[in-house]
C-alpha atoms as a PDB file:
ATOM      1  CA  MET A   1       0.000   0.000   0.000  1.00  0.00           C
ATOM      2  CA  THR A   2       1.225   3.491  -0.848  1.00  0.00           C
ATOM      3  CA  THR A   3       1.711   5.660   2.243  1.00  0.00           C
ATOM      4  CA  LEU A   4       1.454   9.442   2.138  1.00  0.00           C
ATOM      5  CA  LEU A   5       2.752  11.345   5.161  1.00  0.00           C
ATOM      6  CA  ALA A   6       1.713  14.987   5.525  1.00  0.00           C
ATOM      7  CA  LEU A   7       3.796  17.017   7.975  1.00  0.00           C
ATOM      8  CA  SER A   8       1.517  19.703   9.345  1.00  0.00           C
ATOM      9  CA  PRO A   9       3.083  22.389  11.554  1.00  0.00           C
ATOM     10  CA  HIS A  10      -0.206  23.113  13.323  1.00  0.00           C
ATOM     11  CA  LEU A  11      -3.559  21.473  13.846  1.00  0.00           C
ATOM     12  CA  ASP A  12      -5.222  22.590  10.596  1.00  0.00           C
ATOM     13  CA  ASP A  13      -2.377  23.461   8.193  1.00  0.00           C
ATOM     14  CA  ALA A  14      -2.355  20.246   6.157  1.00  0.00           C
ATOM     15  CA  VAL A  15      -6.132  20.148   5.806  1.00  0.00           C
ATOM     16  CA  PHE A  16      -6.508  23.843   4.982  1.00  0.00           C
ATOM     17  CA  SER A  17      -3.683  23.702   2.437  1.00  0.00           C
ATOM     18  CA  ALA A  18      -3.913  20.208   0.929  1.00  0.00           C
ATOM     19  CA  GLY A  19      -7.237  18.755   2.027  1.00  0.00           C
ATOM     20  CA  ALA A  20      -8.359  17.866  -1.483  1.00  0.00           C
ATOM     21  CA  THR A  21      -5.041  16.157  -2.185  1.00  0.00           C
ATOM     22  CA  LEU A  22      -5.301  14.125   1.020  1.00  0.00           C
ATOM     23  CA  PHE A  23      -8.881  13.131   0.196  1.00  0.00           C
ATOM     24  CA  ARG A  24      -7.987  12.032  -3.335  1.00  0.00           C
ATOM     25  CA  ALA A  25      -5.083   9.943  -2.022  1.00  0.00           C
ATOM     26  CA  ALA A  26      -7.283   8.228   0.550  1.00  0.00           C
ATOM     27  CA  ARG A  27      -9.931   7.532  -2.094  1.00  0.00           C
ATOM     28  CA  ARG A  28      -7.262   5.793  -4.165  1.00  0.00           C
ATOM     29  CA  GLY A  29      -6.701   3.384  -1.302  1.00  0.00           C
ATOM     30  CA  TRP A  30      -3.505   4.962   0.001  1.00  0.00           C
ATOM     31  CA  ARG A  31      -2.685   5.162   3.670  1.00  0.00           C
ATOM     32  CA  VAL A  32      -2.783   8.872   4.498  1.00  0.00           C
ATOM     33  CA  VAL A  33      -1.234  10.047   7.763  1.00  0.00           C
ATOM     34  CA  VAL A  34      -1.380  13.675   8.888  1.00  0.00           C
ATOM     35  CA  ALA A  35       1.322  14.174  11.518  1.00  0.00           C
ATOM     36  CA  THR A  36       1.005  17.523  13.272  1.00  0.00           C
ATOM     37  CA  ILE A  37       4.264  18.649  14.798  1.00  0.00           C
ATOM     38  CA  PHE A  38       3.344  21.377  17.307  1.00  0.00           C
ATOM     39  CA  THR A  39       0.475  20.108  19.476  1.00  0.00           C
ATOM     40  CA  GLY A  40       1.981  20.116  22.971  1.00  0.00           C
ATOM     41  CA  ASN A  41       0.173  21.446  26.030  1.00  0.00           C
ATOM     42  CA  VAL A  42       1.193  24.150  28.482  1.00  0.00           C
ATOM     43  CA  ALA A  43      -0.889  23.847  31.645  1.00  0.00           C
ATOM     44  CA  GLN A  44      -1.349  27.572  32.307  1.00  0.00           C
ATOM     45  CA  PRO A  45      -0.373  29.683  29.303  1.00  0.00           C
ATOM     46  CA  THR A  46       0.330  33.353  29.870  1.00  0.00           C
ATOM     47  CA  GLY A  47       1.122  36.456  27.871  1.00  0.00           C
ATOM     48  CA  PHE A  48       1.003  36.224  24.102  1.00  0.00           C
ATOM     49  CA  ALA A  49       0.407  32.465  24.204  1.00  0.00           C
ATOM     50  CA  LEU A  50      -2.728  33.012  26.273  1.00  0.00           C
ATOM     51  CA  ALA A  51      -3.791  35.867  23.991  1.00  0.00           C
ATOM     52  CA  CYS A  52      -3.676  33.465  21.028  1.00  0.00           C
ATOM     53  CA  GLN A  53      -6.313  31.431  22.849  1.00  0.00           C
ATOM     54  CA  LEU A  54      -8.446  34.314  24.078  1.00  0.00           C
ATOM     55  CA  ASP A  55      -8.674  35.861  20.617  1.00  0.00           C
ATOM     56  CA  LYS A  56     -10.470  32.696  19.476  1.00  0.00           C
ATOM     57  CA  GLY A  57     -13.207  33.407  22.027  1.00  0.00           C
ATOM     58  CA  LEU A  58     -12.036  30.701  24.441  1.00  0.00           C
ATOM     59  CA  ALA A  59     -11.754  31.184  28.187  1.00  0.00           C
ATOM     60  CA  ALA A  60      -8.370  30.982  29.878  1.00  0.00           C
ATOM     61  CA  ASP A  61      -9.262  27.737  31.650  1.00  0.00           C
ATOM     62  CA  VAL A  62     -10.084  25.855  28.425  1.00  0.00           C
ATOM     63  CA  ASP A  63      -7.550  23.188  27.442  1.00  0.00           C
ATOM     64  CA  TYR A  64      -6.971  24.763  24.050  1.00  0.00           C
ATOM     65  CA  MET A  65      -4.645  22.190  22.544  1.00  0.00           C
ATOM     66  CA  ALA A  66      -6.762  19.244  23.694  1.00  0.00           C
ATOM     67  CA  LEU A  67      -9.759  20.885  22.030  1.00  0.00           C
ATOM     68  CA  ARG A  68      -7.790  21.443  18.853  1.00  0.00           C
ATOM     69  CA  ARG A  69      -6.496  17.885  18.777  1.00  0.00           C
ATOM     70  CA  GLU A  70     -10.088  16.633  18.871  1.00  0.00           C
ATOM     71  CA  GLU A  71     -10.972  18.964  15.996  1.00  0.00           C
ATOM     72  CA  ASP A  72      -8.059  17.583  14.020  1.00  0.00           C
ATOM     73  CA  LYS A  73      -9.164  13.980  14.561  1.00  0.00           C
ATOM     74  CA  LYS A  74     -12.593  14.855  13.161  1.00  0.00           C
ATOM     75  CA  ALA A  75     -11.116  16.760  10.221  1.00  0.00           C
ATOM     76  CA  CYS A  76      -8.745  13.972   9.237  1.00  0.00           C
ATOM     77  CA  ALA A  77     -11.451  11.327   9.552  1.00  0.00           C
ATOM     78  CA  ARG A  78     -13.611  13.280   7.107  1.00  0.00           C
ATOM     79  CA  LEU A  79     -10.813  12.980   4.547  1.00  0.00           C
ATOM     80  CA  GLY A  80     -10.065   9.322   5.249  1.00  0.00           C
ATOM     81  CA  ALA A  81      -6.757  10.195   6.916  1.00  0.00           C
ATOM     82  CA  GLU A  82      -5.133   9.196  10.202  1.00  0.00           C
ATOM     83  CA  ALA A  83      -4.297  11.940  12.689  1.00  0.00           C
ATOM     84  CA  LEU A  84      -0.991  11.739  14.541  1.00  0.00           C
ATOM     85  CA  HIS A  85      -0.045  14.366  17.132  1.00  0.00           C
ATOM     86  CA  LEU A  86       3.494  15.188  18.248  1.00  0.00           C
ATOM     87  CA  PRO A  87       4.048  16.938  21.615  1.00  0.00           C
ATOM     88  CA  LEU A  88       6.292  19.818  20.565  1.00  0.00           C
ATOM     89  CA  LEU A  89       5.288  23.338  21.630  1.00  0.00           C
ATOM     90  CA  GLU A  90       4.032  26.042  19.277  1.00  0.00           C
ATOM     91  CA  ALA A  91       6.086  29.197  18.800  1.00  0.00           C
ATOM     92  CA  PRO A  92       4.158  31.360  21.326  1.00  0.00           C
ATOM     93  CA  HIS A  93       5.274  28.883  24.018  1.00  0.00           C
ATOM     94  CA  ARG A  94       8.912  29.062  22.853  1.00  0.00           C
ATOM     95  CA  GLY A  95       9.550  32.781  23.346  1.00  0.00           C
ATOM     96  CA  TYR A  96       7.952  34.252  20.206  1.00  0.00           C
ATOM     97  CA  ASP A  97       5.937  36.836  22.090  1.00  0.00           C
ATOM     98  CA  SER A  98       4.123  38.843  19.422  1.00  0.00           C
ATOM     99  CA  ALA A  99       2.545  38.504  16.001  1.00  0.00           C
ATOM    100  CA  PRO A 100       5.556  40.165  14.312  1.00  0.00           C
ATOM    101  CA  ALA A 101       7.832  37.665  16.055  1.00  0.00           C
ATOM    102  CA  LEU A 102       5.773  34.751  14.719  1.00  0.00           C
ATOM    103  CA  PHE A 103       6.389  35.971  11.195  1.00  0.00           C
ATOM    104  CA  GLY A 104       9.965  37.111  11.672  1.00  0.00           C
ATOM    105  CA  ASP A 105      13.233  35.216  11.762  1.00  0.00           C
ATOM    106  CA  VAL A 106      13.611  31.853  13.451  1.00  0.00           C
ATOM    107  CA  THR A 107      15.711  32.606  16.529  1.00  0.00           C
ATOM    108  CA  ALA A 108      19.182  31.129  16.742  1.00  0.00           C
ATOM    109  CA  ASP A 109      18.488  29.484  20.101  1.00  0.00           C
ATOM    110  CA  ASP A 110      15.159  27.885  19.147  1.00  0.00           C
ATOM    111  CA  SER A 111      15.570  24.248  20.176  1.00  0.00           C
ATOM    112  CA  ALA A 112      12.595  23.290  17.994  1.00  0.00           C
ATOM    113  CA  LYS A 113      14.889  23.217  14.968  1.00  0.00           C
ATOM    114  CA  THR A 114      16.677  20.138  16.279  1.00  0.00           C
ATOM    115  CA  GLU A 115      13.580  18.632  17.871  1.00  0.00           C
ATOM    116  CA  VAL A 116      11.578  18.862  14.646  1.00  0.00           C
ATOM    117  CA  SER A 117      14.387  17.350  12.575  1.00  0.00           C
ATOM    118  CA  ASP A 118      14.675  14.428  14.975  1.00  0.00           C
ATOM    119  CA  ALA A 119      10.903  13.929  15.118  1.00  0.00           C
ATOM    120  CA  ILE A 120      10.516  13.905  11.335  1.00  0.00           C
ATOM    121  CA  ALA A 121      13.375  11.450  10.910  1.00  0.00           C
ATOM    122  CA  ALA A 122      11.722   9.159  13.464  1.00  0.00           C
ATOM    123  CA  LEU A 123       8.364   9.401  11.694  1.00  0.00           C
ATOM    124  CA  ILE A 124       9.905   8.482   8.355  1.00  0.00           C
ATOM    125  CA  ALA A 125      11.766   5.553   9.880  1.00  0.00           C
ATOM    126  CA  ASP A 126       8.568   4.297  11.508  1.00  0.00           C
ATOM    127  CA  LEU A 127       6.012   4.900   8.743  1.00  0.00           C
ATOM    128  CA  ARG A 128       8.288   4.503   5.693  1.00  0.00           C
ATOM    129  CA  PRO A 129       6.188   6.831   3.547  1.00  0.00           C
ATOM    130  CA  ASP A 130       6.345   6.718  -0.230  1.00  0.00           C
ATOM    131  CA  ILE A 131       5.330  10.373  -0.499  1.00  0.00           C
ATOM    132  CA  LEU A 132       6.001  13.241   1.885  1.00  0.00           C
ATOM    133  CA  LEU A 133       4.002  16.481   1.934  1.00  0.00           C
ATOM    134  CA  ALA A 134       5.122  19.576   3.843  1.00  0.00           C
ATOM    135  CA  PRO A 135       4.596  23.353   3.826  1.00  0.00           C
ATOM    136  CA  LEU A 136       6.175  25.663   1.287  1.00  0.00           C
ATOM    137  CA  GLY A 137       6.354  28.338   3.977  1.00  0.00           C
ATOM    138  CA  ILE A 138       4.184  31.010   2.369  1.00  0.00           C
ATOM    139  CA  GLY A 139       3.476  33.712   4.933  1.00  0.00           C
ATOM    140  CA  GLY A 140       6.716  33.073   6.814  1.00  0.00           C
ATOM    141  CA  HIS A 141       5.340  31.674  10.081  1.00  0.00           C
ATOM    142  CA  VAL A 142       8.366  30.429  12.007  1.00  0.00           C
ATOM    143  CA  ASP A 143       6.814  27.029  12.752  1.00  0.00           C
ATOM    144  CA  HIS A 144       6.133  26.478   9.046  1.00  0.00           C
ATOM    145  CA  LEU A 145       9.679  27.484   8.173  1.00  0.00           C
ATOM    146  CA  ILE A 146      11.185  25.133  10.748  1.00  0.00           C
ATOM    147  CA  VAL A 147       9.217  22.186   9.356  1.00  0.00           C
ATOM    148  CA  ARG A 148      10.050  23.124   5.758  1.00  0.00           C
ATOM    149  CA  ASP A 149      13.754  23.471   6.526  1.00  0.00           C
ATOM    150  CA  ALA A 150      13.853  20.187   8.460  1.00  0.00           C
ATOM    151  CA  VAL A 151      12.369  18.439   5.421  1.00  0.00           C
ATOM    152  CA  ALA A 152      14.878  20.126   3.120  1.00  0.00           C
ATOM    153  CA  ALA A 153      17.732  18.831   5.262  1.00  0.00           C
ATOM    154  CA  LEU A 154      16.618  15.197   5.146  1.00  0.00           C
ATOM    155  CA  GLY A 155      19.076  12.742   3.715  1.00  0.00           C
ATOM    156  CA  ASN A 156      17.665  10.388   1.095  1.00  0.00           C
ATOM    157  CA  PRO A 157      14.053  11.482   1.608  1.00  0.00           C
ATOM    158  CA  PRO A 158      10.993   9.948  -0.042  1.00  0.00           C
ATOM    159  CA  THR A 159       9.363  11.805  -2.918  1.00  0.00           C
ATOM    160  CA  THR A 160       8.608  15.188  -1.375  1.00  0.00           C
ATOM    161  CA  MET A 161       6.176  17.910  -2.424  1.00  0.00           C
ATOM    162  CA  LEU A 162       5.398  21.205  -0.725  1.00  0.00           C
ATOM    163  CA  TRP A 163       1.895  22.627  -0.447  1.00  0.00           C
ATOM    164  CA  GLU A 164       0.963  26.276  -0.724  1.00  0.00           C
ATOM    165  CA  ASP A 165       0.178  27.407   2.825  1.00  0.00           C
ATOM    166  CA  TRP A 166      -3.462  28.483   2.956  1.00  0.00           C
ATOM    167  CA  PRO A 167      -5.019  30.828   3.982  1.00  0.00           C
ATOM    168  CA  TYR A 168      -1.653  32.634   4.126  1.00  0.00           C
ATOM    169  CA  LEU A 169      -1.611  32.284   0.338  1.00  0.00           C
ATOM    170  CA  ASP A 170      -4.540  34.712   0.106  1.00  0.00           C
ATOM    171  CA  ARG A 171      -2.586  37.329   2.040  1.00  0.00           C
ATOM    172  CA  SER A 172       0.818  36.936   0.426  1.00  0.00           C
ATOM    173  CA  TYR A 173       2.446  36.442  -2.930  1.00  0.00           C
ATOM    174  CA  LEU A 174       1.475  33.794  -5.468  1.00  0.00           C
ATOM    175  CA  PRO A 175       4.521  31.561  -5.971  1.00  0.00           C
ATOM    176  CA  PRO A 176       5.597  30.568  -9.486  1.00  0.00           C
ATOM    177  CA  ARG A 177       3.714  27.450 -10.482  1.00  0.00           C
ATOM    178  CA  ASP A 178       5.535  26.437 -13.636  1.00  0.00           C
ATOM    179  CA  GLN A 179       7.179  23.461 -11.860  1.00  0.00           C
ATOM    180  CA  ALA A 180       4.220  22.622  -9.626  1.00  0.00           C
ATOM    181  CA  LEU A 181       2.014  19.547  -9.771  1.00  0.00           C
ATOM    182  CA  VAL A 182      -1.635  20.475 -10.218  1.00  0.00           C
ATOM    183  CA  VAL A 183      -4.031  18.328  -8.174  1.00  0.00           C
ATOM    184  CA  PRO A 184      -7.585  18.914  -9.482  1.00  0.00           C
ATOM    185  CA  ALA A 185     -10.292  19.233  -6.848  1.00  0.00           C
ATOM    186  CA  ASN A 186     -13.589  17.887  -8.198  1.00  0.00           C
ATOM    187  CA  SER A 187     -16.895  18.423  -6.438  1.00  0.00           C
ATOM    188  CA  ALA A 188     -16.398  15.439  -4.118  1.00  0.00           C
ATOM    189  CA  ALA A 189     -12.925  16.608  -3.112  1.00  0.00           C
ATOM    190  CA  ARG A 190     -14.115  20.177  -2.552  1.00  0.00           C
ATOM    191  CA  ALA A 191     -17.016  18.962  -0.420  1.00  0.00           C
ATOM    192  CA  ALA A 192     -14.723  16.740   1.634  1.00  0.00           C
ATOM    193  CA  LYS A 193     -12.228  19.562   2.129  1.00  0.00           C
ATOM    194  CA  LEU A 194     -14.992  21.952   3.202  1.00  0.00           C
ATOM    195  CA  SER A 195     -16.306  19.424   5.705  1.00  0.00           C
ATOM    196  CA  ALA A 196     -12.829  18.780   7.072  1.00  0.00           C
ATOM    197  CA  CYS A 197     -11.922  22.467   7.326  1.00  0.00           C
ATOM    198  CA  ALA A 198     -15.218  23.170   9.096  1.00  0.00           C
ATOM    199  CA  ALA A 199     -14.205  20.730  11.840  1.00  0.00           C
ATOM    200  CA  TYR A 200     -11.689  23.318  13.078  1.00  0.00           C
ATOM    201  CA  ALA A 201     -14.445  25.317  14.740  1.00  0.00           C
ATOM    202  CA  THR A 202     -12.079  27.250  17.021  1.00  0.00           C
ATOM    203  CA  GLN A 203     -10.234  28.689  14.012  1.00  0.00           C
ATOM    204  CA  LEU A 204     -13.025  29.632  11.602  1.00  0.00           C
ATOM    205  CA  GLY A 205     -13.885  33.036  12.985  1.00  0.00           C
ATOM    206  CA  PHE A 206     -10.270  34.127  13.394  1.00  0.00           C
ATOM    207  CA  GLN A 207      -9.011  32.792  10.056  1.00  0.00           C
ATOM    208  CA  PHE A 208     -11.999  33.344   7.779  1.00  0.00           C
ATOM    209  CA  GLY A 209     -14.701  35.322   9.555  1.00  0.00           C
ATOM    210  CA  GLY A 210     -16.924  32.300  10.111  1.00  0.00           C
ATOM    211  CA  ALA A 211     -18.153  29.109   8.491  1.00  0.00           C
ATOM    212  CA  ALA A 212     -20.060  30.858   5.701  1.00  0.00           C
ATOM    213  CA  ALA A 213     -16.974  32.849   4.716  1.00  0.00           C
ATOM    214  CA  LEU A 214     -14.915  29.656   4.694  1.00  0.00           C
ATOM    215  CA  ARG A 215     -17.428  28.043   2.338  1.00  0.00           C
ATOM    216  CA  ASP A 216     -17.328  31.062   0.022  1.00  0.00           C
ATOM    217  CA  ARG A 217     -13.540  31.112  -0.093  1.00  0.00           C
ATOM    218  CA  LEU A 218     -13.293  27.403  -0.794  1.00  0.00           C
ATOM    219  CA  ALA A 219     -15.936  27.495  -3.530  1.00  0.00           C
ATOM    220  CA  GLY A 220     -13.463  28.775  -6.092  1.00  0.00           C
ATOM    221  CA  GLN A 221     -10.672  26.332  -5.265  1.00  0.00           C
ATOM    222  CA  HIS A 222     -10.723  23.857  -8.149  1.00  0.00           C
ATOM    223  CA  ALA A 223      -7.139  22.665  -7.674  1.00  0.00           C
ATOM    224  CA  GLU A 224      -4.233  22.519  -5.256  1.00  0.00           C
ATOM    225  CA  TRP A 225      -0.619  23.026  -6.304  1.00  0.00           C
ATOM    226  CA  LEU A 226       2.252  20.977  -4.936  1.00  0.00           C
ATOM    227  CA  HIS A 227       5.776  22.246  -5.474  1.00  0.00           C
ATOM    228  CA  PRO A 228       8.904  20.092  -5.758  1.00  0.00           C
ATOM    229  CA  ALA A 229      11.105  20.239  -2.670  1.00  0.00           C
END
């Protein structure tokens, strides 16, 4: 059986960016695993990390990452994919203390660079994927860049393609697509992606302005583009 491993920085990135691709692979009978790298808990977040929870309309005592992991399980199931969650901490818990910092340079002392590289190598050794999907890094979020760079540094990797990070793609530049693989999204794939994206209920208002806006923005997506690594 062909195995596709998608390396998602956060609990939604792979589905938002490559949901139709994941659905089509699962429909072909492939094993599809979405491994999300940064899903670790901090018992009592403070400062900017707490603000990233409060701005989603969630109270401070809500276990935010546990809630998001459950959303991700539902989203992946709707695509026919397996959800796998790694315990590394998101950037706001690693000293990136503002929105500009999240989209700035990866700090020299960020231990996640080594941790992510080790975790991805272990995943590949365990799952032996035939195809690897990862973020292109559009938008410049430090967690996306760390995952992308860890993939780029792999020795003897499986066939690797990079998705266009969405919805950052809508807010940034359109990358050249002359070398990209076009994955058509037919009505079934679009419906599955919409259903999966809608499972991330905590993110819809912040990212899109609500479920209806998500549906409108996905309506025109008739393909996804995967770029060679």
